């Protein structure tokens, strides 16, 4: 995909199209396919993820590969928080374990800014990790997209 290509839904967002964009992002990240995920961002995208700054689509791919090599059995749920024009804010939580078998639930917020083609230009993420017991896990669907009937964050009390 080139930067000139379109990635609907396009801004300005309505509630319906913002919800659609959030679910598309969630499904992409749950694929754990760095190249697929990177195509949702502009070539010059700029990120802040925790204390790390990521510039450009190639750096996004490298970042995601590194992330998912450490965050094993990753499962993510995103929820729309707010939207306006070309901006969307989400809250999210994901579960994963490290190579020693310790499980975590990571909670965070993201602010997104899209270009007119619907590609994300900026992504600012704040994330905190909470160690959890395996028995406390709430995301137990098979790898890939969250099933349509699986509860979201609010329904799970998160």
N, C-alpha and C. Protein backbone atom coordinates (compact mmCIF):
# COMPACT_ATOMS: atom_id res chain seq x y z
N UNK A 1 0.85 -1.18 0.00
CA UNK A 1 0.00 0.00 0.00
C UNK A 1 0.89 1.23 0.00
N UNK A 2 0.57 2.20 -0.80
CA UNK A 2 1.28 3.47 -0.79
C UNK A 2 0.49 4.45 0.05
N UNK A 3 1.16 5.54 0.40
CA UNK A 3 0.49 6.55 1.22
C UNK A 3 -0.70 7.18 0.51
N UNK A 4 -0.70 7.15 -0.83
CA UNK A 4 -1.79 7.77 -1.59
C UNK A 4 -3.05 6.91 -1.60
N UNK A 5 -2.96 5.66 -1.18
CA UNK A 5 -4.12 4.78 -1.17
C UNK A 5 -5.02 5.09 0.02
N UNK A 6 -6.27 4.70 -0.13
CA UNK A 6 -7.28 4.98 0.87
C UNK A 6 -7.44 3.81 1.84
N UNK A 7 -7.72 4.14 3.10
CA UNK A 7 -7.95 3.12 4.14
C UNK A 7 -9.24 3.46 4.87
N UNK A 8 -10.40 3.21 4.23
CA UNK A 8 -11.68 3.54 4.87
C UNK A 8 -11.86 2.78 6.18
N UNK A 9 -12.71 3.31 7.05
CA UNK A 9 -13.46 4.55 6.91
C UNK A 9 -12.55 5.77 7.03
N UNK A 10 -12.99 6.85 6.38
CA UNK A 10 -12.20 8.07 6.29
C UNK A 10 -12.76 9.14 7.22
N UNK A 11 -11.89 10.03 7.70
CA UNK A 11 -12.40 11.16 8.46
C UNK A 11 -13.12 12.14 7.54
N UNK A 12 -14.01 12.95 8.11
CA UNK A 12 -14.34 13.05 9.53
C UNK A 12 -15.18 11.86 9.98
N UNK A 13 -14.89 11.38 11.19
CA UNK A 13 -15.53 10.18 11.70
C UNK A 13 -16.88 10.49 12.33
N UNK A 14 -17.81 9.57 12.14
CA UNK A 14 -19.06 9.54 12.88
C UNK A 14 -18.86 8.51 13.99
N UNK A 15 -19.82 8.40 14.89
CA UNK A 15 -19.70 7.36 15.92
C UNK A 15 -19.57 5.99 15.28
N UNK A 16 -20.39 5.72 14.26
CA UNK A 16 -20.36 4.42 13.59
C UNK A 16 -19.01 4.16 12.93
N UNK A 17 -18.47 5.15 12.21
CA UNK A 17 -17.19 4.90 11.51
C UNK A 17 -16.02 4.87 12.48
N UNK A 18 -16.10 5.62 13.59
CA UNK A 18 -15.05 5.55 14.61
C UNK A 18 -15.04 4.16 15.26
N UNK A 19 -16.22 3.63 15.57
CA UNK A 19 -16.31 2.27 16.12
C UNK A 19 -15.73 1.25 15.14
N UNK A 20 -16.03 1.42 13.87
CA UNK A 20 -15.51 0.51 12.84
C UNK A 20 -13.98 0.61 12.78
N UNK A 21 -13.43 1.81 12.82
CA UNK A 21 -11.98 2.00 12.76
C UNK A 21 -11.30 1.35 13.96
N UNK A 22 -11.91 1.49 15.14
CA UNK A 22 -11.35 0.89 16.36
C UNK A 22 -11.34 -0.63 16.24
N UNK A 23 -12.43 -1.22 15.77
CA UNK A 23 -12.47 -2.68 15.66
C UNK A 23 -11.49 -3.18 14.60
N UNK A 24 -11.34 -2.44 13.51
CA UNK A 24 -10.37 -2.83 12.49
C UNK A 24 -8.95 -2.81 13.07
N UNK A 25 -8.65 -1.80 13.89
CA UNK A 25 -7.33 -1.73 14.52
C UNK A 25 -7.13 -2.90 15.48
N UNK A 26 -8.15 -3.19 16.28
CA UNK A 26 -8.06 -4.32 17.21
C UNK A 26 -7.81 -5.62 16.45
N UNK A 27 -8.58 -5.86 15.41
CA UNK A 27 -8.42 -7.09 14.63
C UNK A 27 -7.03 -7.17 14.01
N UNK A 28 -6.54 -6.05 13.50
CA UNK A 28 -5.20 -6.04 12.92
C UNK A 28 -4.15 -6.40 13.94
N UNK A 29 -4.19 -5.75 15.10
CA UNK A 29 -3.19 -6.04 16.13
C UNK A 29 -3.30 -7.48 16.63
N UNK A 30 -4.51 -8.01 16.72
CA UNK A 30 -4.67 -9.40 17.16
C UNK A 30 -4.15 -10.40 16.13
N UNK A 31 -3.96 -9.96 14.90
CA UNK A 31 -3.36 -10.85 13.90
C UNK A 31 -1.88 -11.09 14.19
N UNK A 32 -1.27 -10.19 14.92
CA UNK A 32 0.17 -10.21 15.22
C UNK A 32 0.99 -10.30 13.94
N UNK A 33 0.49 -9.70 12.87
CA UNK A 33 1.18 -9.63 11.58
C UNK A 33 1.67 -8.20 11.42
N UNK A 34 2.95 -7.97 11.68
CA UNK A 34 3.50 -6.61 11.71
C UNK A 34 3.32 -5.89 10.37
N UNK A 35 3.50 -6.59 9.27
CA UNK A 35 3.34 -5.95 7.96
C UNK A 35 1.89 -5.53 7.73
N UNK A 36 0.96 -6.40 8.07
CA UNK A 36 -0.46 -6.07 7.92
C UNK A 36 -0.81 -4.85 8.76
N UNK A 37 -0.38 -4.85 10.01
CA UNK A 37 -0.69 -3.74 10.91
C UNK A 37 -0.07 -2.45 10.39
N UNK A 38 1.15 -2.51 9.89
CA UNK A 38 1.85 -1.30 9.45
C UNK A 38 1.14 -0.60 8.30
N UNK A 39 0.38 -1.32 7.51
CA UNK A 39 -0.31 -0.73 6.36
C UNK A 39 -1.47 0.19 6.76
N UNK A 40 -1.81 0.23 8.04
CA UNK A 40 -2.84 1.16 8.53
C UNK A 40 -2.24 2.53 8.85
N UNK A 41 -0.93 2.67 8.75
CA UNK A 41 -0.22 3.89 9.12
C UNK A 41 0.42 4.55 7.91
N UNK A 42 0.59 5.87 7.97
CA UNK A 42 1.30 6.57 6.91
C UNK A 42 2.76 6.12 6.88
N UNK A 43 3.41 6.31 5.75
CA UNK A 43 4.83 5.97 5.63
C UNK A 43 5.65 6.73 6.66
N UNK A 44 5.25 7.97 6.97
CA UNK A 44 5.98 8.82 7.92
C UNK A 44 5.35 8.83 9.31
N UNK A 45 4.53 7.84 9.64
CA UNK A 45 3.84 7.82 10.93
C UNK A 45 4.80 8.08 12.08
N UNK A 46 4.27 8.71 13.12
CA UNK A 46 5.06 8.98 14.33
C UNK A 46 4.30 8.42 15.51
N UNK A 47 5.02 7.66 16.34
CA UNK A 47 4.43 7.03 17.51
C UNK A 47 5.19 7.43 18.77
N UNK A 48 4.44 7.47 19.87
CA UNK A 48 5.04 7.36 21.19
C UNK A 48 4.35 6.18 21.82
N UNK A 49 5.13 5.18 22.18
CA UNK A 49 4.61 3.97 22.80
C UNK A 49 5.37 3.78 24.11
N UNK A 50 4.70 4.01 25.22
CA UNK A 50 5.36 4.04 26.53
C UNK A 50 6.44 5.11 26.45
N UNK A 51 7.72 4.74 26.65
CA UNK A 51 8.82 5.71 26.58
C UNK A 51 9.59 5.61 25.26
N UNK A 52 9.06 4.86 24.31
CA UNK A 52 9.76 4.66 23.03
C UNK A 52 9.09 5.49 21.93
N UNK A 53 9.92 6.08 21.09
CA UNK A 53 9.44 6.86 19.96
C UNK A 53 9.76 6.09 18.69
N UNK A 54 8.76 5.96 17.82
CA UNK A 54 8.87 5.17 16.60
C UNK A 54 8.52 6.09 15.43
N UNK A 55 9.41 6.19 14.47
CA UNK A 55 9.20 7.07 13.32
C UNK A 55 9.24 6.26 12.04
N UNK A 56 8.11 6.22 11.32
CA UNK A 56 8.04 5.60 10.02
C UNK A 56 7.53 4.17 10.05
N UNK A 57 6.96 3.78 8.92
CA UNK A 57 6.33 2.46 8.79
C UNK A 57 7.34 1.33 8.99
N UNK A 58 8.55 1.46 8.47
CA UNK A 58 9.55 0.40 8.65
C UNK A 58 9.89 0.22 10.13
N UNK A 59 9.98 1.33 10.87
CA UNK A 59 10.25 1.25 12.31
C UNK A 59 9.07 0.62 13.05
N UNK A 60 7.85 0.86 12.57
CA UNK A 60 6.66 0.23 13.16
C UNK A 60 6.77 -1.28 13.03
N UNK A 61 7.13 -1.76 11.85
CA UNK A 61 7.27 -3.21 11.63
C UNK A 61 8.30 -3.79 12.59
N UNK A 62 9.47 -3.15 12.70
CA UNK A 62 10.51 -3.65 13.61
C UNK A 62 10.02 -3.62 15.05
N UNK A 63 9.36 -2.54 15.45
CA UNK A 63 8.82 -2.42 16.81
C UNK A 63 7.84 -3.56 17.11
N UNK A 64 6.89 -3.79 16.21
CA UNK A 64 5.87 -4.81 16.45
C UNK A 64 6.48 -6.22 16.48
N UNK A 65 7.42 -6.50 15.62
CA UNK A 65 8.08 -7.81 15.67
C UNK A 65 8.77 -8.02 17.02
N UNK A 66 9.46 -6.99 17.49
CA UNK A 66 10.13 -7.07 18.80
C UNK A 66 9.10 -7.26 19.90
N UNK A 67 8.02 -6.49 19.85
CA UNK A 67 6.97 -6.54 20.86
C UNK A 67 6.40 -7.95 20.97
N UNK A 68 5.97 -8.50 19.82
CA UNK A 68 5.30 -9.80 19.84
C UNK A 68 6.25 -10.97 20.02
N UNK A 69 7.56 -10.73 19.95
CA UNK A 69 8.50 -11.80 20.30
C UNK A 69 8.66 -11.90 21.82
N UNK A 70 8.30 -10.81 22.53
CA UNK A 70 8.37 -10.79 24.01
C UNK A 70 7.01 -11.00 24.65
N UNK A 71 5.96 -10.47 24.03
CA UNK A 71 4.60 -10.54 24.57
C UNK A 71 3.88 -11.71 23.90
N UNK A 72 4.00 -12.86 24.51
CA UNK A 72 3.53 -14.12 23.91
C UNK A 72 2.04 -14.33 24.17
N UNK A 73 1.38 -15.01 23.24
CA UNK A 73 -0.06 -15.29 23.32
C UNK A 73 -0.88 -14.03 23.55
N UNK A 74 -0.49 -12.98 22.87
CA UNK A 74 -1.09 -11.65 22.94
C UNK A 74 -2.54 -11.68 22.48
N UNK A 75 -3.43 -11.08 23.30
CA UNK A 75 -4.85 -10.90 22.98
C UNK A 75 -5.23 -9.49 23.42
N UNK A 76 -5.90 -8.73 22.55
CA UNK A 76 -6.18 -7.32 22.77
C UNK A 76 -7.66 -7.01 22.59
N UNK A 77 -8.17 -6.11 23.44
CA UNK A 77 -9.50 -5.53 23.25
C UNK A 77 -9.34 -4.01 23.32
N UNK A 78 -9.89 -3.32 22.31
CA UNK A 78 -9.90 -1.86 22.27
C UNK A 78 -11.34 -1.38 22.40
N UNK A 79 -11.52 -0.19 22.97
CA UNK A 79 -12.85 0.39 23.11
C UNK A 79 -12.76 1.89 22.78
N UNK A 80 -13.69 2.34 21.97
CA UNK A 80 -13.77 3.75 21.63
C UNK A 80 -14.00 4.58 22.89
N UNK A 81 -13.22 5.65 23.05
CA UNK A 81 -13.39 6.56 24.17
C UNK A 81 -14.01 7.87 23.69
N UNK A 82 -13.44 8.41 22.59
CA UNK A 82 -13.93 9.68 22.05
C UNK A 82 -13.47 9.82 20.61
N UNK A 83 -14.13 10.71 19.86
CA UNK A 83 -13.72 10.98 18.48
C UNK A 83 -14.13 12.38 18.11
N UNK A 84 -13.41 12.95 17.15
CA UNK A 84 -13.73 14.29 16.64
C UNK A 84 -12.96 14.49 15.35
N UNK A 85 -13.65 14.69 14.26
CA UNK A 85 -12.98 14.95 12.99
C UNK A 85 -12.08 13.80 12.58
N UNK A 86 -10.78 14.06 12.60
CA UNK A 86 -9.79 13.06 12.19
C UNK A 86 -9.08 12.42 13.39
N UNK A 87 -9.63 12.59 14.58
CA UNK A 87 -9.01 12.06 15.80
C UNK A 87 -9.92 11.02 16.45
N UNK A 88 -9.27 10.00 17.00
CA UNK A 88 -9.97 8.98 17.77
C UNK A 88 -9.14 8.70 19.02
N UNK A 89 -9.81 8.57 20.16
CA UNK A 89 -9.17 8.16 21.41
C UNK A 89 -9.77 6.82 21.82
N UNK A 90 -8.90 5.90 22.23
CA UNK A 90 -9.35 4.59 22.67
C UNK A 90 -8.72 4.25 24.01
N UNK A 91 -9.38 3.36 24.70
CA UNK A 91 -8.77 2.70 25.86
C UNK A 91 -8.67 1.23 25.47
N UNK A 92 -7.74 0.54 26.07
CA UNK A 92 -7.54 -0.85 25.69
C UNK A 92 -6.96 -1.63 26.86
N UNK A 93 -7.05 -2.93 26.74
CA UNK A 93 -6.37 -3.84 27.65
C UNK A 93 -5.99 -5.07 26.84
N UNK A 94 -4.79 -5.58 27.10
CA UNK A 94 -4.39 -6.81 26.44
C UNK A 94 -3.72 -7.74 27.44
N UNK A 95 -3.81 -9.02 27.15
CA UNK A 95 -3.19 -10.04 27.99
C UNK A 95 -2.09 -10.74 27.20
N UNK A 96 -1.06 -11.12 27.94
CA UNK A 96 0.10 -11.78 27.33
C UNK A 96 0.94 -12.39 28.44
N UNK A 97 1.88 -13.24 28.05
CA UNK A 97 2.83 -13.76 29.04
C UNK A 97 4.24 -13.66 28.50
N UNK A 98 5.19 -13.63 29.42
CA UNK A 98 6.59 -13.59 29.02
C UNK A 98 7.11 -15.01 28.85
N UNK A 99 8.40 -15.13 28.53
CA UNK A 99 8.97 -16.45 28.26
C UNK A 99 9.14 -17.30 29.53
N UNK A 100 8.93 -16.70 30.71
CA UNK A 100 8.97 -17.49 31.95
C UNK A 100 7.58 -18.00 32.33
N UNK A 101 6.54 -17.57 31.58
CA UNK A 101 5.18 -18.00 31.87
C UNK A 101 4.38 -17.04 32.73
N UNK A 102 4.97 -15.90 33.13
CA UNK A 102 4.25 -14.90 33.92
C UNK A 102 3.26 -14.18 33.01
N UNK A 103 1.99 -14.17 33.43
CA UNK A 103 0.94 -13.48 32.68
C UNK A 103 0.83 -12.04 33.13
N UNK A 104 0.39 -11.18 32.20
CA UNK A 104 0.18 -9.76 32.46
C UNK A 104 -1.11 -9.32 31.78
N UNK A 105 -1.74 -8.32 32.36
CA UNK A 105 -2.76 -7.56 31.67
C UNK A 105 -2.22 -6.14 31.57
N UNK A 106 -2.11 -5.66 30.36
CA UNK A 106 -1.60 -4.31 30.11
C UNK A 106 -2.78 -3.41 29.78
N UNK A 107 -2.87 -2.30 30.50
CA UNK A 107 -3.96 -1.34 30.34
C UNK A 107 -3.39 -0.07 29.71
N UNK A 108 -4.18 0.57 28.83
CA UNK A 108 -3.67 1.80 28.27
C UNK A 108 -4.71 2.63 27.55
N UNK A 109 -4.21 3.75 27.08
CA UNK A 109 -4.99 4.71 26.30
C UNK A 109 -4.16 5.09 25.09
N UNK A 110 -4.85 5.31 23.98
CA UNK A 110 -4.19 5.76 22.76
C UNK A 110 -4.95 6.95 22.19
N UNK A 111 -4.18 7.88 21.62
CA UNK A 111 -4.74 8.99 20.85
C UNK A 111 -4.25 8.83 19.42
N UNK A 112 -5.17 8.86 18.49
CA UNK A 112 -4.85 8.65 17.08
C UNK A 112 -5.22 9.88 16.26
N UNK A 113 -4.39 10.21 15.26
CA UNK A 113 -4.69 11.25 14.28
C UNK A 113 -4.53 10.64 12.89
N UNK A 114 -5.56 10.80 12.06
CA UNK A 114 -5.59 10.21 10.73
C UNK A 114 -5.44 11.27 9.65
N UNK A 115 -4.86 10.87 8.50
CA UNK A 115 -4.83 11.76 7.34
C UNK A 115 -6.12 11.60 6.56
N UNK A 116 -6.27 12.36 5.49
CA UNK A 116 -7.52 12.34 4.72
C UNK A 116 -7.77 11.01 4.02
N UNK A 117 -6.74 10.16 3.86
CA UNK A 117 -6.92 8.84 3.27
C UNK A 117 -7.27 7.77 4.30
N UNK A 118 -7.38 8.16 5.57
CA UNK A 118 -7.72 7.21 6.62
C UNK A 118 -6.54 6.45 7.19
N UNK A 119 -5.31 6.88 6.88
CA UNK A 119 -4.11 6.28 7.45
C UNK A 119 -3.73 7.04 8.71
N UNK A 120 -3.23 6.32 9.70
CA UNK A 120 -2.88 6.95 10.96
C UNK A 120 -1.53 7.64 10.85
N UNK A 121 -1.52 8.95 11.14
CA UNK A 121 -0.29 9.74 11.11
C UNK A 121 0.43 9.70 12.45
N UNK A 122 -0.35 9.79 13.53
CA UNK A 122 0.23 9.85 14.88
C UNK A 122 -0.51 8.87 15.78
N UNK A 123 0.29 8.22 16.64
CA UNK A 123 -0.25 7.31 17.65
C UNK A 123 0.50 7.57 18.94
N UNK A 124 -0.21 7.95 19.98
CA UNK A 124 0.38 8.21 21.29
C UNK A 124 -0.24 7.23 22.27
N UNK A 125 0.59 6.35 22.84
CA UNK A 125 0.09 5.30 23.73
C UNK A 125 0.73 5.40 25.11
N UNK A 126 -0.10 5.31 26.14
CA UNK A 126 0.34 5.22 27.52
C UNK A 126 -0.14 3.87 28.03
N UNK A 127 0.77 3.08 28.61
CA UNK A 127 0.45 1.68 28.95
C UNK A 127 1.07 1.33 30.30
N UNK A 128 0.30 0.57 31.10
CA UNK A 128 0.79 0.04 32.38
C UNK A 128 0.54 -1.46 32.40
N UNK A 129 1.48 -2.20 32.97
CA UNK A 129 1.40 -3.66 33.03
C UNK A 129 1.08 -4.12 34.45
N UNK A 130 0.13 -5.05 34.56
CA UNK A 130 -0.24 -5.62 35.84
C UNK A 130 0.01 -7.13 35.78
N UNK A 131 0.91 -7.66 36.60
CA UNK A 131 1.07 -9.12 36.64
C UNK A 131 -0.23 -9.77 37.13
N UNK A 132 -0.64 -10.84 36.47
CA UNK A 132 -1.85 -11.57 36.87
C UNK A 132 -1.54 -13.06 36.90
N UNK A 133 -2.34 -13.79 37.64
CA UNK A 133 -2.25 -15.25 37.63
C UNK A 133 -2.89 -15.76 36.33
N UNK A 134 -2.45 -16.89 35.86
CA UNK A 134 -3.05 -17.49 34.66
C UNK A 134 -4.54 -17.67 34.85
N UNK A 135 -4.96 -18.01 36.05
CA UNK A 135 -6.38 -18.23 36.33
C UNK A 135 -7.20 -16.94 36.26
N UNK A 136 -6.55 -15.77 36.30
CA UNK A 136 -7.25 -14.49 36.22
C UNK A 136 -7.44 -14.00 34.79
N UNK A 137 -6.93 -14.74 33.83
CA UNK A 137 -7.07 -14.33 32.43
C UNK A 137 -8.55 -14.26 32.04
N UNK A 138 -8.88 -13.28 31.21
CA UNK A 138 -10.24 -13.11 30.71
C UNK A 138 -10.33 -13.31 29.20
N UNK A 139 -9.22 -13.30 28.51
CA UNK A 139 -9.18 -13.39 27.04
C UNK A 139 -8.68 -14.79 26.67
N UNK A 140 -9.59 -15.67 26.37
CA UNK A 140 -9.20 -17.05 26.10
C UNK A 140 -9.62 -17.54 24.72
N UNK A 141 -9.89 -16.62 23.80
CA UNK A 141 -10.26 -17.05 22.45
C UNK A 141 -9.01 -17.51 21.70
N UNK A 142 -9.18 -18.31 20.64
CA UNK A 142 -8.03 -18.75 19.84
C UNK A 142 -7.31 -17.55 19.23
N UNK A 143 -6.04 -17.72 18.88
CA UNK A 143 -5.26 -16.64 18.27
C UNK A 143 -6.02 -16.03 17.10
N UNK A 144 -5.89 -14.72 16.97
CA UNK A 144 -6.57 -14.00 15.89
C UNK A 144 -7.62 -13.04 16.45
N UNK A 145 -8.51 -12.63 15.57
CA UNK A 145 -9.53 -11.64 15.94
C UNK A 145 -10.40 -12.12 17.09
N UNK A 146 -10.80 -11.18 17.94
CA UNK A 146 -11.73 -11.48 19.03
C UNK A 146 -13.08 -11.86 18.43
N UNK A 147 -13.66 -12.96 18.86
CA UNK A 147 -14.98 -13.35 18.35
C UNK A 147 -16.02 -12.25 18.59
N UNK A 148 -16.95 -12.13 17.67
CA UNK A 148 -17.98 -11.09 17.74
C UNK A 148 -18.80 -11.17 19.02
N UNK A 149 -18.96 -12.37 19.58
CA UNK A 149 -19.79 -12.52 20.78
C UNK A 149 -18.97 -12.43 22.08
N UNK A 150 -17.66 -12.18 21.98
CA UNK A 150 -16.84 -12.06 23.18
C UNK A 150 -17.06 -10.68 23.80
N UNK A 151 -17.24 -10.59 25.11
CA UNK A 151 -17.47 -9.29 25.75
C UNK A 151 -16.32 -8.31 25.50
N UNK A 152 -16.67 -7.04 25.50
CA UNK A 152 -15.68 -5.97 25.40
C UNK A 152 -15.20 -5.55 26.78
N UNK A 153 -14.42 -4.49 26.83
CA UNK A 153 -13.84 -4.03 28.10
C UNK A 153 -14.91 -3.67 29.13
N UNK A 154 -15.89 -2.89 28.72
CA UNK A 154 -16.93 -2.47 29.68
C UNK A 154 -17.70 -3.67 30.21
N UNK A 155 -18.05 -4.59 29.33
CA UNK A 155 -18.80 -5.79 29.75
C UNK A 155 -17.98 -6.66 30.70
N UNK A 156 -16.65 -6.64 30.55
CA UNK A 156 -15.78 -7.42 31.42
C UNK A 156 -15.44 -6.69 32.73
N UNK A 157 -15.92 -5.46 32.86
CA UNK A 157 -15.63 -4.69 34.06
C UNK A 157 -14.23 -4.13 34.08
N UNK A 158 -13.61 -4.02 32.92
CA UNK A 158 -12.25 -3.48 32.85
C UNK A 158 -12.29 -2.02 32.46
